[in-house]
Amino acid sequence: MSVSSVVHELKTLITSKQPVVTLESAEEERVDNLLCSLAAEMGLPLFTWTVTQGLQRVGQSMVYGTNDPLVLLRHLATLTVEGIFELKDFTPHLAQPGPIRAF
């Protein structure tokens, strides 16, 4: 499948108001580049999250204290900005009662 067709499919999912889209890949850099392209095409900011860095808008500093999954989800619930949020390696945190409930 070409990159443009994957971007088109993801764009369709996002514009149809799918609240969560899951991507599973061993090629993190490729997914990062894909999401950067998609965000640019859609005119949306791209945010990434890791347990070690917390939430950060791509190219900017992290939001202090958001490396905890539950704090991250509480923070996301307060945001009024539209964007694409890439939560890397988040699935294991959904085994905990707090994060799964907040999610």
PDB file of N, CA and C in Angstrom:
ATOM      1  N   MET A   1       0.848  -1.172   0.000  1.00  0.00           N
ATOM      2  CA  MET A   1       0.000   0.000   0.000  1.00  0.00           C
ATOM      3  C   MET A   1       0.896   1.239   0.000  1.00  0.00           C
ATOM      4  N   SER A   2       0.601   2.202  -0.849  1.00  0.00           N
ATOM      5  CA  SER A   2       1.428   3.403  -0.961  1.00  0.00           C
ATOM      6  C   SER A   2       1.186   4.347   0.210  1.00  0.00           C
ATOM      7  N   VAL A   3       2.162   5.216   0.438  1.00  0.00           N
ATOM      8  CA  VAL A   3       2.044   6.184   1.532  1.00  0.00           C
ATOM      9  C   VAL A   3       0.835   7.082   1.312  1.00  0.00           C
ATOM     10  N   SER A   4       0.607   7.502   0.082  1.00  0.00           N
ATOM     11  CA  SER A   4      -0.524   8.395  -0.187  1.00  0.00           C
ATOM     12  C   SER A   4      -1.860   7.722   0.096  1.00  0.00           C
ATOM     13  N   SER A   5      -1.964   6.420  -0.164  1.00  0.00           N
ATOM     14  CA  SER A   5      -3.228   5.744   0.127  1.00  0.00           C
ATOM     15  C   SER A   5      -3.419   5.564   1.629  1.00  0.00           C
ATOM     16  N   VAL A   6      -2.327   5.344   2.370  1.00  0.00           N
ATOM     17  CA  VAL A   6      -2.425   5.239   3.826  1.00  0.00           C
ATOM     18  C   VAL A   6      -2.814   6.590   4.413  1.00  0.00           C
ATOM     19  N   VAL A   7      -2.201   7.660   3.928  1.00  0.00           N
ATOM     20  CA  VAL A   7      -2.558   9.005   4.384  1.00  0.00           C
ATOM     21  C   VAL A   7      -4.026   9.274   4.095  1.00  0.00           C
ATOM     22  N   HIS A   8      -4.484   8.901   2.904  1.00  0.00           N
ATOM     23  CA  HIS A   8      -5.884   9.106   2.541  1.00  0.00           C
ATOM     24  C   HIS A   8      -6.820   8.340   3.488  1.00  0.00           C
ATOM     25  N   GLU A   9      -6.491   7.079   3.791  1.00  0.00           N
ATOM     26  CA  GLU A   9      -7.326   6.283   4.687  1.00  0.00           C
ATOM     27  C   GLU A   9      -7.359   6.876   6.091  1.00  0.00           C
ATOM     28  N   LEU A  10      -6.208   7.283   6.597  1.00  0.00           N
ATOM     29  CA  LEU A  10      -6.165   7.899   7.929  1.00  0.00           C
ATOM     30  C   LEU A  10      -6.934   9.214   7.953  1.00  0.00           C
ATOM     31  N   LYS A  11      -6.779  10.000   6.898  1.00  0.00           N
ATOM     32  CA  LYS A  11      -7.506  11.275   6.807  1.00  0.00           C
ATOM     33  C   LYS A  11      -9.018  11.024   6.809  1.00  0.00           C
ATOM     34  N   THR A  12      -9.447   9.998   6.101  1.00  0.00           N
ATOM     35  CA  THR A  12     -10.863   9.644   6.072  1.00  0.00           C
ATOM     36  C   THR A  12     -11.361   9.261   7.458  1.00  0.00           C
ATOM     37  N   LEU A  13     -10.578   8.462   8.176  1.00  0.00           N
ATOM     38  CA  LEU A  13     -10.965   8.071   9.533  1.00  0.00           C
ATOM     39  C   LEU A  13     -11.057   9.278  10.460  1.00  0.00           C
ATOM     40  N   ILE A  14     -10.090  10.165  10.372  1.00  0.00           N
ATOM     41  CA  ILE A  14     -10.073  11.333  11.249  1.00  0.00           C
ATOM     42  C   ILE A  14     -11.213  12.289  10.920  1.00  0.00           C
ATOM     43  N   THR A  15     -11.437  12.561   9.656  1.00  0.00           N
ATOM     44  CA  THR A  15     -12.510  13.485   9.286  1.00  0.00           C
ATOM     45  C   THR A  15     -13.890  12.895   9.524  1.00  0.00           C
ATOM     46  N   SER A  16     -13.976  11.571   9.657  1.00  0.00           N
ATOM     47  CA  SER A  16     -15.280  10.959   9.965  1.00  0.00           C
ATOM     48  C   SER A  16     -15.506  10.909  11.475  1.00  0.00           C
ATOM     49  N   LYS A  17     -14.641  11.596  12.219  1.00  0.00           N
ATOM     50  CA  LYS A  17     -14.768  11.766  13.672  1.00  0.00           C
ATOM     51  C   LYS A  17     -14.553  10.479  14.466  1.00  0.00           C
ATOM     52  N   GLN A  18     -13.723   9.585  13.947  1.00  0.00           N
ATOM     53  CA  GLN A  18     -13.335   8.408  14.730  1.00  0.00           C
ATOM     54  C   GLN A  18     -12.529   8.919  15.917  1.00  0.00           C
ATOM     55  N   PRO A  19     -12.934   8.621  17.147  1.00  0.00           N
ATOM     56  CA  PRO A  19     -12.216   9.173  18.302  1.00  0.00           C
ATOM     57  C   PRO A  19     -10.835   8.554  18.521  1.00  0.00           C
ATOM     58  N   VAL A  20     -10.662   7.310  18.094  1.00  0.00           N
ATOM     59  CA  VAL A  20      -9.385   6.628  18.294  1.00  0.00           C
ATOM     60  C   VAL A  20      -9.075   5.804  17.051  1.00  0.00           C
ATOM     61  N   VAL A  21      -7.851   5.926  16.595  1.00  0.00           N
ATOM     62  CA  VAL A  21      -7.353   5.103  15.497  1.00  0.00           C
ATOM     63  C   VAL A  21      -6.082   4.445  16.020  1.00  0.00           C
ATOM     64  N   THR A  22      -5.997   3.142  15.904  1.00  0.00           N
ATOM     65  CA  THR A  22      -4.837   2.413  16.390  1.00  0.00           C
ATOM     66  C   THR A  22      -3.953   2.011  15.219  1.00  0.00           C
ATOM     67  N   LEU A  23      -2.673   2.331  15.345  1.00  0.00           N
ATOM     68  CA  LEU A  23      -1.685   1.910  14.360  1.00  0.00           C
ATOM     69  C   LEU A  23      -0.681   1.036  15.077  1.00  0.00           C
ATOM     70  N   GLU A  24      -0.420  -0.113  14.520  1.00  0.00           N
ATOM     71  CA  GLU A  24       0.583  -0.990  15.101  1.00  0.00           C
ATOM     72  C   GLU A  24       1.667  -1.212  14.067  1.00  0.00           C
ATOM     73  N   SER A  25       2.897  -0.867  14.457  1.00  0.00           N
ATOM     74  CA  SER A  25       4.009  -0.979  13.524  1.00  0.00           C
ATOM     75  C   SER A  25       5.311  -1.104  14.296  1.00  0.00           C
ATOM     76  N   ALA A  26       6.244  -1.822  13.721  1.00  0.00           N
ATOM     77  CA  ALA A  26       7.589  -1.893  14.283  1.00  0.00           C
ATOM     78  C   ALA A  26       8.455  -0.764  13.721  1.00  0.00           C
ATOM     79  N   GLU A  27       7.892   0.023  12.815  1.00  0.00           N
ATOM     80  CA  GLU A  27       8.637   1.088  12.152  1.00  0.00           C
ATOM     81  C   GLU A  27       8.179   2.450  12.677  1.00  0.00           C
ATOM     82  N   GLU A  28       8.632   2.779  13.886  1.00  0.00           N
ATOM     83  CA  GLU A  28       8.190   4.002  14.549  1.00  0.00           C
ATOM     84  C   GLU A  28       8.506   5.256  13.743  1.00  0.00           C
ATOM     85  N   GLU A  29       9.685   5.336  13.194  1.00  0.00           N
ATOM     86  CA  GLU A  29      10.070   6.521  12.427  1.00  0.00           C
ATOM     87  C   GLU A  29       9.163   6.702  11.208  1.00  0.00           C
ATOM     88  N   ARG A  30       8.818   5.605  10.580  1.00  0.00           N
ATOM     89  CA  ARG A  30       7.934   5.672   9.409  1.00  0.00           C
ATOM     90  C   ARG A  30       6.546   6.177   9.796  1.00  0.00           C
ATOM     91  N   VAL A  31       6.026   5.699  10.927  1.00  0.00           N
ATOM     92  CA  VAL A  31       4.720   6.163  11.408  1.00  0.00           C
ATOM     93  C   VAL A  31       4.802   7.638  11.777  1.00  0.00           C
ATOM     94  N   ASP A  32       5.888   8.044  12.442  1.00  0.00           N
ATOM     95  CA  ASP A  32       6.073   9.459  12.784  1.00  0.00           C
ATOM     96  C   ASP A  32       6.029  10.329  11.533  1.00  0.00           C
ATOM     97  N   ASN A  33       6.738   9.926  10.504  1.00  0.00           N
ATOM     98  CA  ASN A  33       6.757  10.692   9.252  1.00  0.00           C
ATOM     99  C   ASN A  33       5.384  10.721   8.591  1.00  0.00           C
ATOM    100  N   LEU A  34       4.698   9.610   8.630  1.00  0.00           N
ATOM    101  CA  LEU A  34       3.352   9.522   8.070  1.00  0.00           C
ATOM    102  C   LEU A  34       2.414  10.488   8.788  1.00  0.00           C
ATOM    103  N   LEU A  35       2.474  10.495  10.111  1.00  0.00           N
ATOM    104  CA  LEU A  35       1.599  11.375  10.882  1.00  0.00           C
ATOM    105  C   LEU A  35       1.965  12.842  10.709  1.00  0.00           C
ATOM    106  N   CYS A  36       3.246  13.142  10.551  1.00  0.00           N
ATOM    107  CA  CYS A  36       3.668  14.519  10.260  1.00  0.00           C
ATOM    108  C   CYS A  36       3.085  14.988   8.931  1.00  0.00           C
ATOM    109  N   SER A  37       3.153  14.123   7.934  1.00  0.00           N
ATOM    110  CA  SER A  37       2.591  14.457   6.616  1.00  0.00           C
ATOM    111  C   SER A  37       1.084  14.668   6.704  1.00  0.00           C
ATOM    112  N   LEU A  38       0.435  13.782   7.417  1.00  0.00           N
ATOM    113  CA  LEU A  38      -1.014  13.866   7.568  1.00  0.00           C
ATOM    114  C   LEU A  38      -1.411  15.144   8.290  1.00  0.00           C
ATOM    115  N   ALA A  39      -0.732  15.455   9.394  1.00  0.00           N
ATOM    116  CA  ALA A  39      -1.042  16.660  10.159  1.00  0.00           C
ATOM    117  C   ALA A  39      -0.844  17.909   9.303  1.00  0.00           C
ATOM    118  N   ALA A  40       0.245  17.948   8.539  1.00  0.00           N
ATOM    119  CA  ALA A  40       0.503  19.091   7.665  1.00  0.00           C
ATOM    120  C   ALA A  40      -0.586  19.226   6.607  1.00  0.00           C
ATOM    121  N   GLU A  41      -0.963  18.112   6.011  1.00  0.00           N
ATOM    122  CA  GLU A  41      -1.996  18.129   4.973  1.00  0.00           C
ATOM    123  C   GLU A  41      -3.334  18.598   5.526  1.00  0.00           C
ATOM    124  N   MET A  42      -3.632  18.221   6.771  1.00  0.00           N
ATOM    125  CA  MET A  42      -4.919  18.575   7.379  1.00  0.00           C
ATOM    126  C   MET A  42      -4.878  19.913   8.111  1.00  0.00           C
ATOM    127  N   GLY A  43      -3.684  20.491   8.232  1.00  0.00           N
ATOM    128  CA  GLY A  43      -3.561  21.764   8.937  1.00  0.00           C
ATOM    129  C   GLY A  43      -3.787  21.631  10.434  1.00  0.00           C
ATOM    130  N   LEU A  44      -3.394  20.485  10.982  1.00  0.00           N
ATOM    131  CA  LEU A  44      -3.573  20.222  12.411  1.00  0.00           C
ATOM    132  C   LEU A  44      -2.214  20.086  13.089  1.00  0.00           C
ATOM    133  N   PRO A  45      -2.130  20.482  14.361  1.00  0.00           N
ATOM    134  CA  PRO A  45      -0.886  20.229  15.078  1.00  0.00           C
ATOM    135  C   PRO A  45      -0.756  18.749  15.412  1.00  0.00           C
ATOM    136  N   LEU A  46       0.478  18.289  15.494  1.00  0.00           N
ATOM    137  CA  LEU A  46       0.754  16.904  15.869  1.00  0.00           C
ATOM    138  C   LEU A  46       1.383  16.900  17.253  1.00  0.00           C
ATOM    139  N   PHE A  47       0.811  16.102  18.135  1.00  0.00           N
ATOM    140  CA  PHE A  47       1.331  15.925  19.484  1.00  0.00           C
ATOM    141  C   PHE A  47       1.775  14.477  19.630  1.00  0.00           C
ATOM    142  N   THR A  48       2.876  14.269  20.332  1.00  0.00           N
ATOM    143  CA  THR A  48       3.304  12.904  20.615  1.00  0.00           C
ATOM    144  C   THR A  48       3.421  12.733  22.121  1.00  0.00           C
ATOM    145  N   TRP A  49       3.261  11.499  22.571  1.00  0.00           N
ATOM    146  CA  TRP A  49       3.396  11.177  23.989  1.00  0.00           C
ATOM    147  C   TRP A  49       4.216   9.908  24.131  1.00  0.00           C
ATOM    148  N   THR A  50       5.138   9.945  25.087  1.00  0.00           N
ATOM    149  CA  THR A  50       5.834   8.743  25.527  1.00  0.00           C
ATOM    150  C   THR A  50       5.888   8.808  27.044  1.00  0.00           C
ATOM    151  N   VAL A  51       6.023   7.664  27.665  1.00  0.00           N
ATOM    152  CA  VAL A  51       6.080   7.618  29.122  1.00  0.00           C
ATOM    153  C   VAL A  51       7.340   8.311  29.651  1.00  0.00           C
ATOM    154  N   THR A  52       8.365   8.401  28.846  1.00  0.00           N
ATOM    155  CA  THR A  52       9.603   9.037  29.291  1.00  0.00           C
ATOM    156  C   THR A  52       9.627  10.539  29.032  1.00  0.00           C
ATOM    157  N   GLN A  53       8.937  11.009  28.006  1.00  0.00           N
ATOM    158  CA  GLN A  53       8.972  12.428  27.641  1.00  0.00           C
ATOM    159  C   GLN A  53       7.681  13.177  27.955  1.00  0.00           C
ATOM    160  N   GLY A  54       6.595  12.454  28.150  1.00  0.00           N
ATOM    161  CA  GLY A  54       5.311  13.125  28.342  1.00  0.00           C
ATOM    162  C   GLY A  54       4.757  13.610  27.014  1.00  0.00           C
ATOM    163  N   LEU A  55       3.772  14.484  27.089  1.00  0.00           N
ATOM    164  CA  LEU A  55       3.121  15.024  25.901  1.00  0.00           C
ATOM    165  C   LEU A  55       3.887  16.237  25.407  1.00  0.00           C
ATOM    166  N   GLN A  56       4.083  16.301  24.109  1.00  0.00           N
ATOM    167  CA  GLN A  56       4.683  17.491  23.530  1.00  0.00           C
ATOM    168  C   GLN A  56       4.165  17.698  22.117  1.00  0.00           C
ATOM    169  N   ARG A  57       3.961  18.959  21.808  1.00  0.00           N
ATOM    170  CA  ARG A  57       3.640  19.308  20.429  1.00  0.00           C
ATOM    171  C   ARG A  57       4.932  19.171  19.653  1.00  0.00           C
ATOM    172  N   VAL A  58       4.877  18.544  18.494  1.00  0.00           N
ATOM    173  CA  VAL A  58       6.092  18.299  17.710  1.00  0.00           C
ATOM    174  C   VAL A  58       6.816  19.625  17.476  1.00  0.00           C
ATOM    175  N   GLY A  59       8.098  19.623  17.842  1.00  0.00           N
ATOM    176  CA  GLY A  59       8.926  20.804  17.674  1.00  0.00           C
ATOM    177  C   GLY A  59       8.893  21.764  18.853  1.00  0.00           C
ATOM    178  N   GLN A  60       8.138  21.437  19.904  1.00  0.00           N
ATOM    179  CA  GLN A  60       8.060  22.311  21.071  1.00  0.00           C
ATOM    180  C   GLN A  60       8.389  21.522  22.329  1.00  0.00           C
ATOM    181  N   SER A  61       8.403  22.197  23.453  1.00  0.00           N
ATOM    182  CA  SER A  61       8.750  21.526  24.704  1.00  0.00           C
ATOM    183  C   SER A  61       7.570  20.723  25.230  1.00  0.00           C
ATOM    184  N   MET A  62       7.874  19.792  26.145  1.00  0.00           N
ATOM    185  CA  MET A  62       6.844  18.916  26.678  1.00  0.00           C
ATOM    186  C   MET A  62       5.970  19.638  27.696  1.00  0.00           C
ATOM    187  N   VAL A  63       4.786  19.092  27.916  1.00  0.00           N
ATOM    188  CA  VAL A  63       3.874  19.597  28.934  1.00  0.00           C
ATOM    189  C   VAL A  63       4.272  18.927  30.246  1.00  0.00           C
ATOM    190  N   TYR A  64       4.738  19.698  31.201  1.00  0.00           N
ATOM    191  CA  TYR A  64       5.281  19.169  32.450  1.00  0.00           C
ATOM    192  C   TYR A  64       4.282  18.247  33.157  1.00  0.00           C
ATOM    193  N   GLY A  65       4.785  17.086  33.588  1.00  0.00           N
ATOM    194  CA  GLY A  65       4.014  16.161  34.402  1.00  0.00           C
ATOM    195  C   GLY A  65       3.120  15.204  33.643  1.00  0.00           C
ATOM    196  N   THR A  66       3.128  15.268  32.337  1.00  0.00           N
ATOM    197  CA  THR A  66       2.211  14.427  31.568  1.00  0.00           C
ATOM    198  C   THR A  66       2.799  13.075  31.200  1.00  0.00           C
ATOM    199  N   ASN A  67       3.945  12.717  31.787  1.00  0.00           N
ATOM    200  CA  ASN A  67       4.491  11.398  31.469  1.00  0.00           C
ATOM    201  C   ASN A  67       3.691  10.290  32.160  1.00  0.00           C
ATOM    202  N   ASP A  68       2.932  10.620  33.193  1.00  0.00           N
ATOM    203  CA  ASP A  68       2.034   9.655  33.832  1.00  0.00           C
ATOM    204  C   ASP A  68       0.787   9.488  32.949  1.00  0.00           C
ATOM    205  N   PRO A  69       0.422   8.247  32.595  1.00  0.00           N
ATOM    206  CA  PRO A  69      -0.698   8.036  31.678  1.00  0.00           C
ATOM    207  C   PRO A  69      -2.024   8.636  32.159  1.00  0.00           C
ATOM    208  N   LEU A  70      -2.313   8.542  33.443  1.00  0.00           N
ATOM    209  CA  LEU A  70      -3.574   9.088  33.960  1.00  0.00           C
ATOM    210  C   LEU A  70      -3.566  10.615  33.920  1.00  0.00           C
ATOM    211  N   VAL A  71      -2.447  11.218  34.263  1.00  0.00           N
ATOM    212  CA  VAL A  71      -2.324  12.677  34.181  1.00  0.00           C
ATOM    213  C   VAL A  71      -2.469  13.124  32.731  1.00  0.00           C
ATOM    214  N   LEU A  72      -1.866  12.386  31.813  1.00  0.00           N
ATOM    215  CA  LEU A  72      -1.997  12.702  30.387  1.00  0.00           C
ATOM    216  C   LEU A  72      -3.459  12.719  29.968  1.00  0.00           C
ATOM    217  N   LEU A  73      -4.192  11.664  30.300  1.00  0.00           N
ATOM    218  CA  LEU A  73      -5.586  11.573  29.878  1.00  0.00           C
ATOM    219  C   LEU A  73      -6.434  12.674  30.501  1.00  0.00           C
ATOM    220  N   ARG A  74      -6.165  13.013  31.740  1.00  0.00           N
ATOM    221  CA  ARG A  74      -6.885  14.131  32.373  1.00  0.00           C
ATOM    222  C   ARG A  74      -6.566  15.443  31.657  1.00  0.00           C
ATOM    223  N   HIS A  75      -5.308  15.611  31.277  1.00  0.00           N
ATOM    224  CA  HIS A  75      -4.905  16.809  30.548  1.00  0.00           C
ATOM    225  C   HIS A  75      -5.585  16.871  29.175  1.00  0.00           C
ATOM    226  N   LEU A  76      -5.593  15.770  28.467  1.00  0.00           N
ATOM    227  CA  LEU A  76      -6.234  15.742  27.147  1.00  0.00           C
ATOM    228  C   LEU A  76      -7.710  16.100  27.232  1.00  0.00           C
ATOM    229  N   ALA A  77      -8.365  15.703  28.309  1.00  0.00           N
ATOM    230  CA  ALA A  77      -9.793  15.994  28.475  1.00  0.00           C
ATOM    231  C   ALA A  77     -10.061  17.493  28.613  1.00  0.00           C
ATOM    232  N   THR A  78      -9.048  18.266  28.987  1.00  0.00           N
ATOM    233  CA  THR A  78      -9.237  19.711  29.167  1.00  0.00           C
ATOM    234  C   THR A  78      -8.898  20.516  27.921  1.00  0.00           C
ATOM    235  N   LEU A  79      -8.268  19.885  26.939  1.00  0.00           N
ATOM    236  CA  LEU A  79      -7.825  20.624  25.756  1.00  0.00           C
ATOM    237  C   LEU A  79      -8.988  21.058  24.877  1.00  0.00           C
ATOM    238  N   THR A  80      -8.849  22.230  24.303  1.00  0.00           N
ATOM    239  CA  THR A  80      -9.849  22.716  23.357  1.00  0.00           C
ATOM    240  C   THR A  80      -9.293  22.763  21.934  1.00  0.00           C
ATOM    241  N   VAL A  81      -8.006  22.475  21.791  1.00  0.00           N
ATOM    242  CA  VAL A  81      -7.369  22.491  20.477  1.00  0.00           C
ATOM    243  C   VAL A  81      -7.610  21.158  19.768  1.00  0.00           C
ATOM    244  N   GLU A  82      -7.878  21.235  18.475  1.00  0.00           N
ATOM    245  CA  GLU A  82      -7.954  20.014  17.676  1.00  0.00           C
ATOM    246  C   GLU A  82      -6.546  19.674  17.219  1.00  0.00           C
ATOM    247  N   GLY A  83      -6.269  18.396  17.145  1.00  0.00           N
ATOM    248  CA  GLY A  83      -4.958  17.974  16.704  1.00  0.00           C
ATOM    249  C   GLY A  83      -4.919  16.477  16.523  1.00  0.00           C
ATOM    250  N   ILE A  84      -3.768  15.992  16.129  1.00  0.00           N
ATOM    251  CA  ILE A  84      -3.519  14.558  16.041  1.00  0.00           C
ATOM    252  C   ILE A  84      -2.606  14.217  17.204  1.00  0.00           C
ATOM    253  N   PHE A  85      -2.996  13.225  17.990  1.00  0.00           N
ATOM    254  CA  PHE A  85      -2.276  12.850  19.190  1.00  0.00           C
ATOM    255  C   PHE A  85      -1.773  11.423  19.029  1.00  0.00           C
ATOM    256  N   GLU A  86      -0.464  11.290  18.996  1.00  0.00           N
ATOM    257  CA  GLU A  86       0.175   9.986  18.853  1.00  0.00           C
ATOM    258  C   GLU A  86       0.658   9.548  20.235  1.00  0.00           C
ATOM    259  N   LEU A  87       0.001   8.527  20.784  1.00  0.00           N
ATOM    260  CA  LEU A  87       0.362   8.008  22.099  1.00  0.00           C
ATOM    261  C   LEU A  87       1.165   6.734  21.884  1.00  0.00           C
ATOM    262  N   LYS A  88       2.466   6.844  22.019  1.00  0.00           N
ATOM    263  CA  LYS A  88       3.351   5.721  21.715  1.00  0.00           C
ATOM    264  C   LYS A  88       3.372   4.729  22.873  1.00  0.00           C
ATOM    265  N   ASP A  89       3.262   3.445  22.544  1.00  0.00           N
ATOM    266  CA  ASP A  89       3.321   2.365  23.541  1.00  0.00           C
ATOM    267  C   ASP A  89       2.310   2.550  24.664  1.00  0.00           C
ATOM    268  N   PHE A  90       1.119   3.001  24.336  1.00  0.00           N
ATOM    269  CA  PHE A  90       0.119   3.305  25.357  1.00  0.00           C
ATOM    270  C   PHE A  90      -0.695   2.085  25.795  1.00  0.00           C
ATOM    271  N   THR A  91      -0.807   1.093  24.951  1.00  0.00           N
ATOM    272  CA  THR A  91      -1.663  -0.058  25.225  1.00  0.00           C
ATOM    273  C   THR A  91      -1.425  -0.710  26.581  1.00  0.00           C
ATOM    274  N   PRO A  92      -0.198  -0.950  27.025  1.00  0.00           N
ATOM    275  CA  PRO A  92      -0.009  -1.587  28.337  1.00  0.00           C
ATOM    276  C   PRO A  92      -0.628  -0.793  29.498  1.00  0.00           C
ATOM    277  N   HIS A  93      -0.718   0.517  29.347  1.00  0.00           N
ATOM    278  CA  HIS A  93      -1.282   1.350  30.411  1.00  0.00           C
ATOM    279  C   HIS A  93      -2.796   1.179  30.523  1.00  0.00           C
ATOM    280  N   LEU A  94      -3.408   0.655  29.478  1.00  0.00           N
ATOM    281  CA  LEU A  94      -4.850   0.435  29.502  1.00  0.00           C
ATOM    282  C   LEU A  94      -5.235  -0.800  30.319  1.00  0.00           C
ATOM    283  N   ALA A  95      -4.255  -1.507  30.843  1.00  0.00           N
ATOM    284  CA  ALA A  95      -4.523  -2.637  31.739  1.00  0.00           C
ATOM    285  C   ALA A  95      -4.751  -2.155  33.171  1.00  0.00           C
ATOM    286  N   GLN A  96      -4.474  -0.878  33.425  1.00  0.00           N
ATOM    287  CA  GLN A  96      -4.661  -0.301  34.751  1.00  0.00           C
ATOM    288  C   GLN A  96      -6.052   0.332  34.845  1.00  0.00           C
ATOM    289  N   PRO A  97      -6.715   0.212  36.003  1.00  0.00           N
ATOM    290  CA  PRO A  97      -8.083   0.725  36.136  1.00  0.00           C
ATOM    291  C   PRO A  97      -8.227   2.227  35.865  1.00  0.00           C
ATOM    292  N   GLY A  98      -7.307   3.063  36.372  1.00  0.00           N
ATOM    293  CA  GLY A  98      -7.417   4.500  36.190  1.00  0.00           C
ATOM    294  C   GLY A  98      -7.354   4.921  34.732  1.00  0.00           C
ATOM    295  N   PRO A  99      -6.283   4.554  34.038  1.00  0.00           N
ATOM    296  CA  PRO A  99      -6.192   4.943  32.630  1.00  0.00           C
ATOM    297  C   PRO A  99      -7.302   4.391  31.747  1.00  0.00           C
ATOM    298  N   ILE A 100      -7.715   3.154  31.962  1.00  0.00           N
ATOM    299  CA  ILE A 100      -8.774   2.607  31.084  1.00  0.00           C
ATOM    300  C   ILE A 100     -10.092   3.345  31.316  1.00  0.00           C
ATOM    301  N   ARG A 101     -10.369   3.704  32.541  1.00  0.00           N
ATOM    302  CA  ARG A 101     -11.598   4.444  32.840  1.00  0.00           C
ATOM    303  C   ARG A 101     -11.543   5.847  32.231  1.00  0.00           C
ATOM    304  N   ALA A 102     -10.391   6.493  32.384  1.00  0.00           N
ATOM    305  CA  ALA A 102     -10.230   7.844  31.844  1.00  0.00           C
ATOM    306  C   ALA A 102     -10.249   7.845  30.319  1.00  0.00           C
ATOM    307  N   PHE A 103      -9.734   6.787  29.724  1.00  0.00           N
ATOM    308  CA  PHE A 103      -9.699   6.690  28.285  1.00  0.00           C
ATOM    309  C   PHE A 103     -11.099   6.577  27.721  1.00  0.00           C
TER     310      PHE A 103
END
